[in-house]
Protein backbone atom coordinates (compact mmCIF):
# COMPACT_ATOMS: atom_id res chain seq x y z
CA UNK A 1 0.00 0.00 0.00
CA UNK A 2 1.31 3.39 -0.93
CA UNK A 3 2.08 5.87 1.82
CA UNK A 4 0.54 9.32 1.45
CA UNK A 5 2.27 12.26 3.12
CA UNK A 6 -0.89 14.12 4.17
CA UNK A 7 1.03 16.56 6.32
CA UNK A 8 2.59 17.98 3.14
CA UNK A 9 -0.75 18.33 1.34
CA UNK A 10 -2.86 21.46 1.08
CA UNK A 11 -6.36 21.60 2.53
CA UNK A 12 -7.85 21.36 -0.96
CA UNK A 13 -5.78 18.25 -1.72
CA UNK A 14 -6.77 16.60 1.57
CA UNK A 15 -10.45 17.30 0.91
CA UNK A 16 -10.14 15.84 -2.59
CA UNK A 17 -8.41 12.77 -1.13
CA UNK A 18 -11.21 12.36 1.43
CA UNK A 19 -13.77 12.46 -1.36
CA UNK A 20 -11.90 9.84 -3.38
CA UNK A 21 -11.56 7.62 -0.31
CA UNK A 22 -15.28 7.89 0.48
CA UNK A 23 -16.17 7.02 -3.12
CA UNK A 24 -13.75 4.08 -3.17
CA UNK A 25 -15.07 2.81 0.16
CA UNK A 26 -18.68 2.98 -1.05
CA UNK A 27 -17.77 1.10 -4.22
CA UNK A 28 -15.87 -1.65 -2.36
CA UNK A 29 -18.65 -2.01 0.24
CA UNK A 30 -21.25 -2.29 -2.52
CA UNK A 31 -19.23 -4.97 -4.31
CA UNK A 32 -18.69 -6.89 -1.04
CA UNK A 33 -22.41 -6.78 -0.23
CA UNK A 34 -23.34 -7.94 -3.74
CA UNK A 35 -20.83 -10.81 -3.54
CA UNK A 36 -22.08 -11.91 -0.12
CA UNK A 37 -25.71 -11.68 -1.25
CA UNK A 38 -24.92 -13.86 -4.28
CA UNK A 39 -23.28 -16.46 -2.03
CA UNK A 40 -26.26 -16.47 0.34
CA UNK A 41 -28.72 -16.73 -2.56
CA UNK A 42 -26.76 -19.67 -3.98
CA UNK A 43 -26.75 -21.43 -0.60
CA UNK A 44 -30.48 -20.86 -0.18
CA UNK A 45 -31.21 -22.11 -3.71
CA UNK A 46 -29.16 -25.27 -3.22
CA UNK A 47 -30.65 -25.99 0.21
CA UNK A 48 -34.30 -25.57 -0.72
CA UNK A 49 -34.93 -23.18 2.15
CA UNK A 50 -36.00 -19.58 1.98
CA UNK A 51 -34.72 -16.74 4.12
CA UNK A 52 -38.10 -16.74 5.87
CA UNK A 53 -37.63 -20.41 6.81
CA UNK A 54 -34.33 -19.64 8.52
CA UNK A 55 -35.23 -16.27 9.98
CA UNK A 56 -39.00 -16.16 10.53
CA UNK A 57 -39.04 -12.43 11.32
CA UNK A 58 -37.13 -11.48 8.15
CA UNK A 59 -39.19 -9.96 5.38
CA UNK A 60 -42.17 -9.03 7.51
CA UNK A 61 -43.61 -5.57 7.27
CA UNK A 62 -43.12 -2.84 9.76
CA UNK A 63 -44.46 -3.22 13.27
CA UNK A 64 -47.88 -2.19 14.38
CA UNK A 65 -49.79 0.22 12.23
CA UNK A 66 -51.27 3.51 13.25
CA UNK A 67 -53.94 3.22 15.94
CA UNK A 68 -57.52 4.10 15.14
CA UNK A 69 -58.92 7.32 16.56
CA UNK A 70 -61.23 6.88 19.56
CA UNK A 71 -62.10 10.51 20.33
CA UNK A 72 -63.05 13.43 18.09
CA UNK A 73 -63.33 17.19 18.67
CA UNK A 74 -66.95 18.14 17.94
CA UNK A 75 -65.91 21.65 16.89
CA UNK A 76 -63.26 20.40 14.43
CA UNK A 77 -63.82 16.79 13.28
CA UNK A 78 -60.32 16.68 11.77
CA UNK A 79 -58.89 16.74 15.31
CA UNK A 80 -58.87 13.23 16.75
CA UNK A 81 -57.09 11.33 19.50
CA UNK A 82 -56.34 7.61 19.78
CA UNK A 83 -56.49 7.55 23.56
CA UNK A 84 -52.75 6.99 23.75
CA UNK A 85 -50.14 9.44 24.88
CA UNK A 86 -50.76 12.94 26.10
CA UNK A 87 -54.29 14.31 25.84
CA UNK A 88 -54.65 16.99 23.17
CA UNK A 89 -55.25 20.58 24.30
CA UNK A 90 -58.79 20.70 22.90
CA UNK A 91 -59.75 17.69 25.04
CA UNK A 92 -58.05 18.96 28.20
CA UNK A 93 -59.89 22.29 27.90
CA UNK A 94 -63.26 20.57 27.49
CA UNK A 95 -62.63 18.22 30.39
CA UNK A 96 -61.79 21.18 32.63
CA UNK A 97 -65.17 22.68 31.72
CA UNK A 98 -66.81 19.57 33.12
CA UNK A 99 -67.55 17.53 30.00
CA UNK A 100 -67.08 13.75 30.12
CA UNK A 101 -64.64 11.73 27.98
CA UNK A 102 -67.52 9.59 26.72
CA UNK A 103 -69.06 12.59 24.97
CA UNK A 104 -66.07 12.71 22.57
CA UNK A 105 -66.02 8.99 21.77
CA UNK A 106 -66.32 8.06 18.10
PDB file of N, CA and C in Angstrom:
ATOM      1  N   UNK A   1       0.847  -1.171   0.000  1.00  0.00           N
ATOM      2  CA  UNK A   1       0.000   0.000   0.000  1.00  0.00           C
ATOM      3  C   UNK A   1       0.890   1.232   0.000  1.00  0.00           C
ATOM      4  N   UNK A   2       0.520   2.174  -0.803  1.00  0.00           N
ATOM      5  CA  UNK A   2       1.313   3.391  -0.927  1.00  0.00           C
ATOM      6  C   UNK A   2       1.092   4.307   0.272  1.00  0.00           C
ATOM      7  N   UNK A   3       2.164   4.908   0.729  1.00  0.00           N
ATOM      8  CA  UNK A   3       2.078   5.869   1.816  1.00  0.00           C
ATOM      9  C   UNK A   3       1.772   7.245   1.235  1.00  0.00           C
ATOM     10  N   UNK A   4       0.903   7.984   1.890  1.00  0.00           N
ATOM     11  CA  UNK A   4       0.537   9.323   1.448  1.00  0.00           C
ATOM     12  C   UNK A   4       0.969  10.285   2.545  1.00  0.00           C
ATOM     13  N   UNK A   5       1.776  11.267   2.162  1.00  0.00           N
ATOM     14  CA  UNK A   5       2.268  12.257   3.117  1.00  0.00           C
ATOM     15  C   UNK A   5       1.226  13.371   3.239  1.00  0.00           C
ATOM     16  N   UNK A   6       0.192  13.141   4.049  1.00  0.00           N
ATOM     17  CA  UNK A   6      -0.887  14.117   4.168  1.00  0.00           C
ATOM     18  C   UNK A   6      -0.441  15.406   4.838  1.00  0.00           C
ATOM     19  N   UNK A   7       0.572  15.330   5.656  1.00  0.00           N
ATOM     20  CA  UNK A   7       1.031  16.557   6.317  1.00  0.00           C
ATOM     21  C   UNK A   7       1.648  17.550   5.343  1.00  0.00           C
ATOM     22  N   UNK A   8       2.014  17.091   4.154  1.00  0.00           N
ATOM     23  CA  UNK A   8       2.595  17.976   3.136  1.00  0.00           C
ATOM     24  C   UNK A   8       1.544  18.441   2.130  1.00  0.00           C
ATOM     25  N   UNK A   9       0.308  17.998   2.288  1.00  0.00           N
ATOM     26  CA  UNK A   9      -0.747  18.333   1.337  1.00  0.00           C
ATOM     27  C   UNK A   9      -1.475  19.595   1.772  1.00  0.00           C
ATOM     28  N   UNK A  10      -2.048  20.281   0.782  1.00  0.00           N
ATOM     29  CA  UNK A  10      -2.860  21.459   1.084  1.00  0.00           C
ATOM     30  C   UNK A  10      -4.247  20.996   1.525  1.00  0.00           C
ATOM     31  N   UNK A  11      -5.006  21.910   2.081  1.00  0.00           N
ATOM     32  CA  UNK A  11      -6.358  21.596   2.528  1.00  0.00           C
ATOM     33  C   UNK A  11      -7.210  21.104   1.357  1.00  0.00           C
ATOM     34  N   UNK A  12      -7.076  21.750   0.225  1.00  0.00           N
ATOM     35  CA  UNK A  12      -7.849  21.361  -0.958  1.00  0.00           C
ATOM     36  C   UNK A  12      -7.494  19.934  -1.391  1.00  0.00           C
ATOM     37  N   UNK A  13      -6.220  19.592  -1.354  1.00  0.00           N
ATOM     38  CA  UNK A  13      -5.775  18.251  -1.725  1.00  0.00           C
ATOM     39  C   UNK A  13      -6.294  17.202  -0.735  1.00  0.00           C
ATOM     40  N   UNK A  14      -6.276  17.535   0.551  1.00  0.00           N
ATOM     41  CA  UNK A  14      -6.772  16.603   1.569  1.00  0.00           C
ATOM     42  C   UNK A  14      -8.265  16.378   1.393  1.00  0.00           C
ATOM     43  N   UNK A  15      -9.002  17.440   1.105  1.00  0.00           N
ATOM     44  CA  UNK A  15     -10.447  17.304   0.908  1.00  0.00           C
ATOM     45  C   UNK A  15     -10.743  16.459  -0.334  1.00  0.00           C
ATOM     46  N   UNK A  16      -9.962  16.642  -1.383  1.00  0.00           N
ATOM     47  CA  UNK A  16     -10.138  15.838  -2.591  1.00  0.00           C
ATOM     48  C   UNK A  16      -9.814  14.372  -2.304  1.00  0.00           C
ATOM     49  N   UNK A  17      -8.782  14.133  -1.506  1.00  0.00           N
ATOM     50  CA  UNK A  17      -8.415  12.773  -1.127  1.00  0.00           C
ATOM     51  C   UNK A  17      -9.523  12.125  -0.302  1.00  0.00           C
ATOM     52  N   UNK A  18     -10.097  12.874   0.627  1.00  0.00           N
ATOM     53  CA  UNK A  18     -11.207  12.356   1.432  1.00  0.00           C
ATOM     54  C   UNK A  18     -12.380  11.954   0.543  1.00  0.00           C
ATOM     55  N   UNK A  19     -12.674  12.761  -0.442  1.00  0.00           N
ATOM     56  CA  UNK A  19     -13.771  12.460  -1.360  1.00  0.00           C
ATOM     57  C   UNK A  19     -13.483  11.184  -2.135  1.00  0.00           C
ATOM     58  N   UNK A  20     -12.262  11.050  -2.635  1.00  0.00           N
ATOM     59  CA  UNK A  20     -11.897   9.840  -3.383  1.00  0.00           C
ATOM     60  C   UNK A  20     -11.962   8.601  -2.498  1.00  0.00           C
ATOM     61  N   UNK A  21     -11.516   8.749  -1.244  1.00  0.00           N
ATOM     62  CA  UNK A  21     -11.560   7.623  -0.306  1.00  0.00           C
ATOM     63  C   UNK A  21     -12.998   7.216  -0.024  1.00  0.00           C
ATOM     64  N   UNK A  22     -13.873   8.195   0.196  1.00  0.00           N
ATOM     65  CA  UNK A  22     -15.278   7.892   0.476  1.00  0.00           C
ATOM     66  C   UNK A  22     -15.923   7.187  -0.712  1.00  0.00           C
ATOM     67  N   UNK A  23     -15.613   7.656  -1.926  1.00  0.00           N
ATOM     68  CA  UNK A  23     -16.170   7.022  -3.123  1.00  0.00           C
ATOM     69  C   UNK A  23     -15.641   5.600  -3.284  1.00  0.00           C
ATOM     70  N   UNK A  24     -14.342   5.413  -3.052  1.00  0.00           N
ATOM     71  CA  UNK A  24     -13.747   4.084  -3.169  1.00  0.00           C
ATOM     72  C   UNK A  24     -14.326   3.141  -2.114  1.00  0.00           C
ATOM     73  N   UNK A  25     -14.511   3.642  -0.912  1.00  0.00           N
ATOM     74  CA  UNK A  25     -15.072   2.811   0.156  1.00  0.00           C
ATOM     75  C   UNK A  25     -16.496   2.383  -0.189  1.00  0.00           C
ATOM     76  N   UNK A  26     -17.301   3.303  -0.679  1.00  0.00           N
ATOM     77  CA  UNK A  26     -18.680   2.982  -1.046  1.00  0.00           C
ATOM     78  C   UNK A  26     -18.712   1.931  -2.153  1.00  0.00           C
ATOM     79  N   UNK A  27     -17.816   2.062  -3.122  1.00  0.00           N
ATOM     80  CA  UNK A  27     -17.767   1.102  -4.222  1.00  0.00           C
ATOM     81  C   UNK A  27     -17.375  -0.287  -3.714  1.00  0.00           C
ATOM     82  N   UNK A  28     -16.336  -0.363  -2.883  1.00  0.00           N
ATOM     83  CA  UNK A  28     -15.868  -1.646  -2.355  1.00  0.00           C
ATOM     84  C   UNK A  28     -16.936  -2.279  -1.455  1.00  0.00           C
ATOM     85  N   UNK A  29     -17.595  -1.482  -0.618  1.00  0.00           N
ATOM     86  CA  UNK A  29     -18.654  -2.010   0.243  1.00  0.00           C
ATOM     87  C   UNK A  29     -19.807  -2.556  -0.596  1.00  0.00           C
ATOM     88  N   UNK A  30     -20.177  -1.830  -1.638  1.00  0.00           N
ATOM     89  CA  UNK A  30     -21.250  -2.290  -2.520  1.00  0.00           C
ATOM     90  C   UNK A  30     -20.909  -3.605  -3.192  1.00  0.00           C
ATOM     91  N   UNK A  31     -19.673  -3.729  -3.668  1.00  0.00           N
ATOM     92  CA  UNK A  31     -19.233  -4.972  -4.306  1.00  0.00           C
ATOM     93  C   UNK A  31     -19.216  -6.123  -3.301  1.00  0.00           C
ATOM     94  N   UNK A  32     -18.749  -5.848  -2.070  1.00  0.00           N
ATOM     95  CA  UNK A  32     -18.692  -6.886  -1.039  1.00  0.00           C
ATOM     96  C   UNK A  32     -20.098  -7.354  -0.669  1.00  0.00           C
ATOM     97  N   UNK A  33     -21.033  -6.420  -0.550  1.00  0.00           N
ATOM     98  CA  UNK A  33     -22.413  -6.781  -0.228  1.00  0.00           C
ATOM     99  C   UNK A  33     -23.023  -7.615  -1.346  1.00  0.00           C
ATOM    100  N   UNK A  34     -22.794  -7.204  -2.598  1.00  0.00           N
ATOM    101  CA  UNK A  34     -23.342  -7.943  -3.736  1.00  0.00           C
ATOM    102  C   UNK A  34     -22.776  -9.358  -3.794  1.00  0.00           C
ATOM    103  N   UNK A  35     -21.475  -9.490  -3.530  1.00  0.00           N
ATOM    104  CA  UNK A  35     -20.830 -10.808  -3.540  1.00  0.00           C
ATOM    105  C   UNK A  35     -21.392 -11.690  -2.433  1.00  0.00           C
ATOM    106  N   UNK A  36     -21.533 -11.149  -1.243  1.00  0.00           N
ATOM    107  CA  UNK A  36     -22.075 -11.906  -0.122  1.00  0.00           C
ATOM    108  C   UNK A  36     -23.529 -12.300  -0.383  1.00  0.00           C
ATOM    109  N   UNK A  37     -24.311 -11.382  -0.938  1.00  0.00           N
ATOM    110  CA  UNK A  37     -25.706 -11.680  -1.255  1.00  0.00           C
ATOM    111  C   UNK A  37     -25.787 -12.810  -2.272  1.00  0.00           C
ATOM    112  N   UNK A  38     -24.928 -12.795  -3.271  1.00  0.00           N
ATOM    113  CA  UNK A  38     -24.925 -13.860  -4.283  1.00  0.00           C
ATOM    114  C   UNK A  38     -24.594 -15.208  -3.643  1.00  0.00           C
ATOM    115  N   UNK A  39     -23.630 -15.218  -2.719  1.00  0.00           N
ATOM    116  CA  UNK A  39     -23.278 -16.460  -2.028  1.00  0.00           C
ATOM    117  C   UNK A  39     -24.449 -16.973  -1.198  1.00  0.00           C
ATOM    118  N   UNK A  40     -25.111 -16.082  -0.484  1.00  0.00           N
ATOM    119  CA  UNK A  40     -26.256 -16.469   0.345  1.00  0.00           C
ATOM    120  C   UNK A  40     -27.389 -16.985  -0.537  1.00  0.00           C
ATOM    121  N   UNK A  41     -27.674 -16.290  -1.643  1.00  0.00           N
ATOM    122  CA  UNK A  41     -28.725 -16.732  -2.563  1.00  0.00           C
ATOM    123  C   UNK A  41     -28.414 -18.120  -3.116  1.00  0.00           C
ATOM    124  N   UNK A  42     -27.148 -18.361  -3.459  1.00  0.00           N
ATOM    125  CA  UNK A  42     -26.759 -19.672  -3.985  1.00  0.00           C
ATOM    126  C   UNK A  42     -26.948 -20.754  -2.925  1.00  0.00           C
ATOM    127  N   UNK A  43     -26.562 -20.477  -1.686  1.00  0.00           N
ATOM    128  CA  UNK A  43     -26.755 -21.435  -0.601  1.00  0.00           C
ATOM    129  C   UNK A  43     -28.237 -21.717  -0.372  1.00  0.00           C
ATOM    130  N   UNK A  44     -29.054 -20.675  -0.379  1.00  0.00           N
ATOM    131  CA  UNK A  44     -30.483 -20.863  -0.178  1.00  0.00           C
ATOM    132  C   UNK A  44     -31.086 -21.683  -1.316  1.00  0.00           C
ATOM    133  N   UNK A  45     -30.691 -21.381  -2.558  1.00  0.00           N
ATOM    134  CA  UNK A  45     -31.214 -22.113  -3.706  1.00  0.00           C
ATOM    135  C   UNK A  45     -30.840 -23.591  -3.635  1.00  0.00           C
ATOM    136  N   UNK A  46     -29.606 -23.876  -3.258  1.00  0.00           N
ATOM    137  CA  UNK A  46     -29.161 -25.270  -3.219  1.00  0.00           C
ATOM    138  C   UNK A  46     -29.744 -26.038  -2.031  1.00  0.00           C
ATOM    139  N   UNK A  47     -30.134 -25.319  -0.978  1.00  0.00           N
ATOM    140  CA  UNK A  47     -30.651 -25.993   0.212  1.00  0.00           C
ATOM    141  C   UNK A  47     -32.155 -26.233   0.145  1.00  0.00           C
ATOM    142  N   UNK A  48     -32.846 -25.441  -0.654  1.00  0.00           N
ATOM    143  CA  UNK A  48     -34.297 -25.571  -0.724  1.00  0.00           C
ATOM    144  C   UNK A  48     -35.035 -24.766   0.327  1.00  0.00           C
ATOM    145  N   UNK A  49     -34.311 -24.029   1.132  1.00  0.00           N
ATOM    146  CA  UNK A  49     -34.933 -23.185   2.145  1.00  0.00           C
ATOM    147  C   UNK A  49     -35.045 -21.764   1.626  1.00  0.00           C
ATOM    148  N   UNK A  50     -35.922 -21.006   2.269  1.00  0.00           N
ATOM    149  CA  UNK A  50     -36.000 -19.579   1.979  1.00  0.00           C
ATOM    150  C   UNK A  50     -35.459 -18.821   3.183  1.00  0.00           C
ATOM    151  N   UNK A  51     -35.225 -17.548   3.013  1.00  0.00           N
ATOM    152  CA  UNK A  51     -34.718 -16.737   4.120  1.00  0.00           C
ATOM    153  C   UNK A  51     -35.756 -16.694   5.239  1.00  0.00           C
ATOM    154  N   UNK A  52     -37.038 -16.733   4.874  1.00  0.00           N
ATOM    155  CA  UNK A  52     -38.103 -16.740   5.867  1.00  0.00           C
ATOM    156  C   UNK A  52     -38.140 -18.022   6.680  1.00  0.00           C
ATOM    157  N   UNK A  53     -37.695 -19.147   6.069  1.00  0.00           N
ATOM    158  CA  UNK A  53     -37.631 -20.409   6.811  1.00  0.00           C
ATOM    159  C   UNK A  53     -36.563 -20.342   7.892  1.00  0.00           C
ATOM    160  N   UNK A  54     -35.444 -19.709   7.579  1.00  0.00           N
ATOM    161  CA  UNK A  54     -34.326 -19.644   8.521  1.00  0.00           C
ATOM    162  C   UNK A  54     -34.489 -18.540   9.547  1.00  0.00           C
ATOM    163  N   UNK A  55     -35.022 -17.424   9.108  1.00  0.00           N
ATOM    164  CA  UNK A  55     -35.232 -16.269   9.979  1.00  0.00           C
ATOM    165  C   UNK A  55     -36.691 -15.849   9.854  1.00  0.00           C
ATOM    166  N   UNK A  56     -37.569 -16.407  10.684  1.00  0.00           N
ATOM    167  CA  UNK A  56     -38.997 -16.156  10.525  1.00  0.00           C
ATOM    168  C   UNK A  56     -39.408 -14.697  10.570  1.00  0.00           C
ATOM    169  N   UNK A  57     -38.670 -13.845  11.243  1.00  0.00           N
ATOM    170  CA  UNK A  57     -39.043 -12.430  11.322  1.00  0.00           C
ATOM    171  C   UNK A  57     -38.578 -11.646  10.095  1.00  0.00           C
ATOM    172  N   UNK A  58     -37.664 -12.194   9.310  1.00  0.00           N
ATOM    173  CA  UNK A  58     -37.134 -11.479   8.148  1.00  0.00           C
ATOM    174  C   UNK A  58     -38.222 -11.334   7.095  1.00  0.00           C
ATOM    175  N   UNK A  59     -38.272 -10.184   6.476  1.00  0.00           N
ATOM    176  CA  UNK A  59     -39.191  -9.964   5.380  1.00  0.00           C
ATOM    177  C   UNK A  59     -40.580  -9.543   5.799  1.00  0.00           C
ATOM    178  N   UNK A  60     -40.846  -9.482   7.068  1.00  0.00           N
ATOM    179  CA  UNK A  60     -42.167  -9.027   7.506  1.00  0.00           C
ATOM    180  C   UNK A  60     -42.223  -7.523   7.420  1.00  0.00           C
ATOM    181  N   UNK A  61     -43.409  -7.007   7.349  1.00  0.00           N
ATOM    182  CA  UNK A  61     -43.612  -5.566   7.268  1.00  0.00           C
ATOM    183  C   UNK A  61     -43.228  -4.879   8.558  1.00  0.00           C
ATOM    184  N   UNK A  62     -43.428  -3.616   8.570  1.00  0.00           N
ATOM    185  CA  UNK A  62     -43.117  -2.844   9.761  1.00  0.00           C
ATOM    186  C   UNK A  62     -44.033  -3.267  10.894  1.00  0.00           C
ATOM    187  N   UNK A  63     -43.716  -2.838  12.084  1.00  0.00           N
ATOM    188  CA  UNK A  63     -44.463  -3.221  13.272  1.00  0.00           C
ATOM    189  C   UNK A  63     -45.927  -2.841  13.199  1.00  0.00           C
ATOM    190  N   UNK A  64     -46.472  -2.508  14.300  1.00  0.00           N
ATOM    191  CA  UNK A  64     -47.884  -2.186  14.384  1.00  0.00           C
ATOM    192  C   UNK A  64     -48.191  -0.940  13.564  1.00  0.00           C
ATOM    193  N   UNK A  65     -49.358  -0.926  13.011  1.00  0.00           N
ATOM    194  CA  UNK A  65     -49.792   0.224  12.233  1.00  0.00           C
ATOM    195  C   UNK A  65     -50.270   1.347  13.134  1.00  0.00           C
ATOM    196  N   UNK A  66     -50.769   2.368  12.525  1.00  0.00           N
ATOM    197  CA  UNK A  66     -51.269   3.512  13.253  1.00  0.00           C
ATOM    198  C   UNK A  66     -52.572   3.121  13.944  1.00  0.00           C
ATOM    199  N   UNK A  67     -52.742   3.558  15.180  1.00  0.00           N
ATOM    200  CA  UNK A  67     -53.937   3.222  15.939  1.00  0.00           C
ATOM    201  C   UNK A  67     -55.132   4.021  15.439  1.00  0.00           C
ATOM    202  N   UNK A  68     -56.290   3.436  15.558  1.00  0.00           N
ATOM    203  CA  UNK A  68     -57.516   4.104  15.143  1.00  0.00           C
ATOM    204  C   UNK A  68     -57.886   5.173  16.167  1.00  0.00           C
ATOM    205  N   UNK A  69     -58.497   6.231  15.683  1.00  0.00           N
ATOM    206  CA  UNK A  69     -58.924   7.316  16.556  1.00  0.00           C
ATOM    207  C   UNK A  69     -60.106   6.856  17.397  1.00  0.00           C
ATOM    208  N   UNK A  70     -60.133   7.247  18.657  1.00  0.00           N
ATOM    209  CA  UNK A  70     -61.232   6.884  19.560  1.00  0.00           C
ATOM    210  C   UNK A  70     -62.039   8.106  19.990  1.00  0.00           C
ATOM    211  N   UNK A  71     -61.434   9.290  19.891  1.00  0.00           N
ATOM    212  CA  UNK A  71     -62.101  10.508  20.334  1.00  0.00           C
ATOM    213  C   UNK A  71     -61.975  11.568  19.249  1.00  0.00           C
ATOM    214  N   UNK A  72     -63.040  12.401  19.130  1.00  0.00           N
ATOM    215  CA  UNK A  72     -63.051  13.435  18.092  1.00  0.00           C
ATOM    216  C   UNK A  72     -63.522  14.750  18.703  1.00  0.00           C
ATOM    217  N   UNK A  73     -62.930  15.854  18.256  1.00  0.00           N
ATOM    218  CA  UNK A  73     -63.325  17.188  18.665  1.00  0.00           C
ATOM    219  C   UNK A  73     -64.608  17.549  17.917  1.00  0.00           C
ATOM    220  N   UNK A  74     -65.704  17.816  18.633  1.00  0.00           N
ATOM    221  CA  UNK A  74     -66.952  18.139  17.943  1.00  0.00           C
ATOM    222  C   UNK A  74     -66.892  19.458  17.165  1.00  0.00           C
ATOM    223  N   UNK A  75     -66.043  20.383  17.588  1.00  0.00           N
ATOM    224  CA  UNK A  75     -65.913  21.652  16.887  1.00  0.00           C
ATOM    225  C   UNK A  75     -65.097  21.519  15.606  1.00  0.00           C
ATOM    226  N   UNK A  76     -64.129  20.618  15.594  1.00  0.00           N
ATOM    227  CA  UNK A  76     -63.264  20.404  14.432  1.00  0.00           C
ATOM    228  C   UNK A  76     -63.063  18.900  14.258  1.00  0.00           C
ATOM    229  N   UNK A  77     -63.890  18.244  13.433  1.00  0.00           N
ATOM    230  CA  UNK A  77     -63.818  16.794  13.280  1.00  0.00           C
ATOM    231  C   UNK A  77     -62.477  16.272  12.768  1.00  0.00           C
ATOM    232  N   UNK A  78     -61.633  17.134  12.231  1.00  0.00           N
ATOM    233  CA  UNK A  78     -60.317  16.675  11.770  1.00  0.00           C
ATOM    234  C   UNK A  78     -59.375  16.417  12.942  1.00  0.00           C
ATOM    235  N   UNK A  79     -59.715  16.940  14.117  1.00  0.00           N
ATOM    236  CA  UNK A  79     -58.888  16.737  15.309  1.00  0.00           C
ATOM    237  C   UNK A  79     -59.381  15.498  16.045  1.00  0.00           C
ATOM    238  N   UNK A  80     -58.526  14.478  16.081  1.00  0.00           N
ATOM    239  CA  UNK A  80     -58.870  13.228  16.746  1.00  0.00           C
ATOM    240  C   UNK A  80     -57.752  12.839  17.702  1.00  0.00           C
ATOM    241  N   UNK A  81     -58.068  11.854  18.548  1.00  0.00           N
ATOM    242  CA  UNK A  81     -57.088  11.334  19.500  1.00  0.00           C
ATOM    243  C   UNK A  81     -57.320   9.846  19.649  1.00  0.00           C
ATOM    244  N   UNK A  82     -56.239   9.067  19.702  1.00  0.00           N
ATOM    245  CA  UNK A  82     -56.341   7.611  19.781  1.00  0.00           C
ATOM    246  C   UNK A  82     -56.560   7.116  21.197  1.00  0.00           C
ATOM    247  N   UNK A  83     -56.386   7.979  22.168  1.00  0.00           N
ATOM    248  CA  UNK A  83     -56.490   7.547  23.557  1.00  0.00           C
ATOM    249  C   UNK A  83     -55.140   7.161  24.125  1.00  0.00           C
ATOM    250  N   UNK A  84     -54.111   7.300  23.313  1.00  0.00           N
ATOM    251  CA  UNK A  84     -52.751   6.985  23.750  1.00  0.00           C
ATOM    252  C   UNK A  84     -51.938   8.266  23.849  1.00  0.00           C
ATOM    253  N   UNK A  85     -51.025   8.268  24.753  1.00  0.00           N
ATOM    254  CA  UNK A  85     -50.145   9.436  24.878  1.00  0.00           C
ATOM    255  C   UNK A  85     -50.846  10.591  25.578  1.00  0.00           C
ATOM    256  N   UNK A  86     -50.251  11.752  25.446  1.00  0.00           N
ATOM    257  CA  UNK A  86     -50.755  12.945  26.097  1.00  0.00           C
ATOM    258  C   UNK A  86     -52.078  13.382  25.495  1.00  0.00           C
ATOM    259  N   UNK A  87     -52.989  13.837  26.327  1.00  0.00           N
ATOM    260  CA  UNK A  87     -54.290  14.310  25.840  1.00  0.00           C
ATOM    261  C   UNK A  87     -54.076  15.603  25.055  1.00  0.00           C
ATOM    262  N   UNK A  88     -54.787  15.756  23.945  1.00  0.00           N
ATOM    263  CA  UNK A  88     -54.650  16.989  23.171  1.00  0.00           C
ATOM    264  C   UNK A  88     -55.276  18.173  23.922  1.00  0.00           C
ATOM    265  N   UNK A  89     -54.811  19.363  23.592  1.00  0.00           N
ATOM    266  CA  UNK A  89     -55.254  20.575  24.297  1.00  0.00           C
ATOM    267  C   UNK A  89     -56.763  20.781  24.204  1.00  0.00           C
ATOM    268  N   UNK A  90     -57.348  20.506  23.038  1.00  0.00           N
ATOM    269  CA  UNK A  90     -58.786  20.701  22.897  1.00  0.00           C
ATOM    270  C   UNK A  90     -59.561  19.814  23.873  1.00  0.00           C
ATOM    271  N   UNK A  91     -59.077  18.613  24.126  1.00  0.00           N
ATOM    272  CA  UNK A  91     -59.748  17.695  25.038  1.00  0.00           C
ATOM    273  C   UNK A  91     -59.537  18.119  26.486  1.00  0.00           C
ATOM    274  N   UNK A  92     -58.352  18.525  26.830  1.00  0.00           N
ATOM    275  CA  UNK A  92     -58.054  18.962  28.197  1.00  0.00           C
ATOM    276  C   UNK A  92     -58.936  20.152  28.560  1.00  0.00           C
ATOM    277  N   UNK A  93     -59.077  21.102  27.630  1.00  0.00           N
ATOM    278  CA  UNK A  93     -59.887  22.292  27.895  1.00  0.00           C
ATOM    279  C   UNK A  93     -61.345  21.912  28.132  1.00  0.00           C
ATOM    280  N   UNK A  94     -61.870  20.995  27.337  1.00  0.00           N
ATOM    281  CA  UNK A  94     -63.265  20.569  27.487  1.00  0.00           C
ATOM    282  C   UNK A  94     -63.475  19.798  28.787  1.00  0.00           C
ATOM    283  N   UNK A  95     -62.515  18.981  29.151  1.00  0.00           N
ATOM    284  CA  UNK A  95     -62.633  18.222  30.393  1.00  0.00           C
ATOM    285  C   UNK A  95     -62.617  19.147  31.607  1.00  0.00           C
ATOM    286  N   UNK A  96     -61.831  20.208  31.537  1.00  0.00           N
ATOM    287  CA  UNK A  96     -61.786  21.183  32.633  1.00  0.00           C
ATOM    288  C   UNK A  96     -63.124  21.904  32.786  1.00  0.00           C
ATOM    289  N   UNK A  97     -63.855  22.025  31.678  1.00  0.00           N
ATOM    290  CA  UNK A  97     -65.168  22.683  31.719  1.00  0.00           C
ATOM    291  C   UNK A  97     -66.244  21.738  32.248  1.00  0.00           C
ATOM    292  N   UNK A  98     -65.870  20.487  32.507  1.00  0.00           N
ATOM    293  CA  UNK A  98     -66.808  19.567  33.120  1.00  0.00           C
ATOM    294  C   UNK A  98     -67.386  18.528  32.181  1.00  0.00           C
ATOM    295  N   UNK A  99     -67.019  18.532  30.911  1.00  0.00           N
ATOM    296  CA  UNK A  99     -67.547  17.529  29.997  1.00  0.00           C
ATOM    297  C   UNK A  99     -66.891  16.169  30.274  1.00  0.00           C
ATOM    298  N   UNK A 100     -67.559  15.107  29.886  1.00  0.00           N
ATOM    299  CA  UNK A 100     -67.081  13.753  30.122  1.00  0.00           C
ATOM    300  C   UNK A 100     -66.361  13.228  28.869  1.00  0.00           C
ATOM    301  N   UNK A 101     -65.393  12.338  29.087  1.00  0.00           N
ATOM    302  CA  UNK A 101     -64.637  11.735  27.984  1.00  0.00           C
ATOM    303  C   UNK A 101     -65.570  11.013  27.012  1.00  0.00           C
ATOM    304  N   UNK A 102     -66.605  10.368  27.544  1.00  0.00           N
ATOM    305  CA  UNK A 102     -67.518   9.585  26.720  1.00  0.00           C
ATOM    306  C   UNK A 102     -68.206  10.428  25.662  1.00  0.00           C
ATOM    307  N   UNK A 103     -68.354  11.733  25.936  1.00  0.00           N
ATOM    308  CA  UNK A 103     -69.056  12.587  24.974  1.00  0.00           C
ATOM    309  C   UNK A 103     -68.229  12.838  23.712  1.00  0.00           C
ATOM    310  N   UNK A 104     -66.936  12.501  23.745  1.00  0.00           N
ATOM    311  CA  UNK A 104     -66.066  12.707  22.573  1.00  0.00           C
ATOM    312  C   UNK A 104     -65.775  11.406  21.850  1.00  0.00           C
ATOM    313  N   UNK A 105     -66.295  10.288  22.367  1.00  0.00           N
ATOM    314  CA  UNK A 105     -66.020   8.985  21.768  1.00  0.00           C
ATOM    315  C   UNK A 105     -66.598   8.916  20.359  1.00  0.00           C
ATOM    316  N   UNK A 106     -65.881   8.225  19.502  1.00  0.00           N
ATOM    317  CA  UNK A 106     -66.323   8.060  18.103  1.00  0.00           C
ATOM    318  C   UNK A 106     -67.166   6.815  18.009  1.00  0.00           C
TER     319      UNK A 106
END
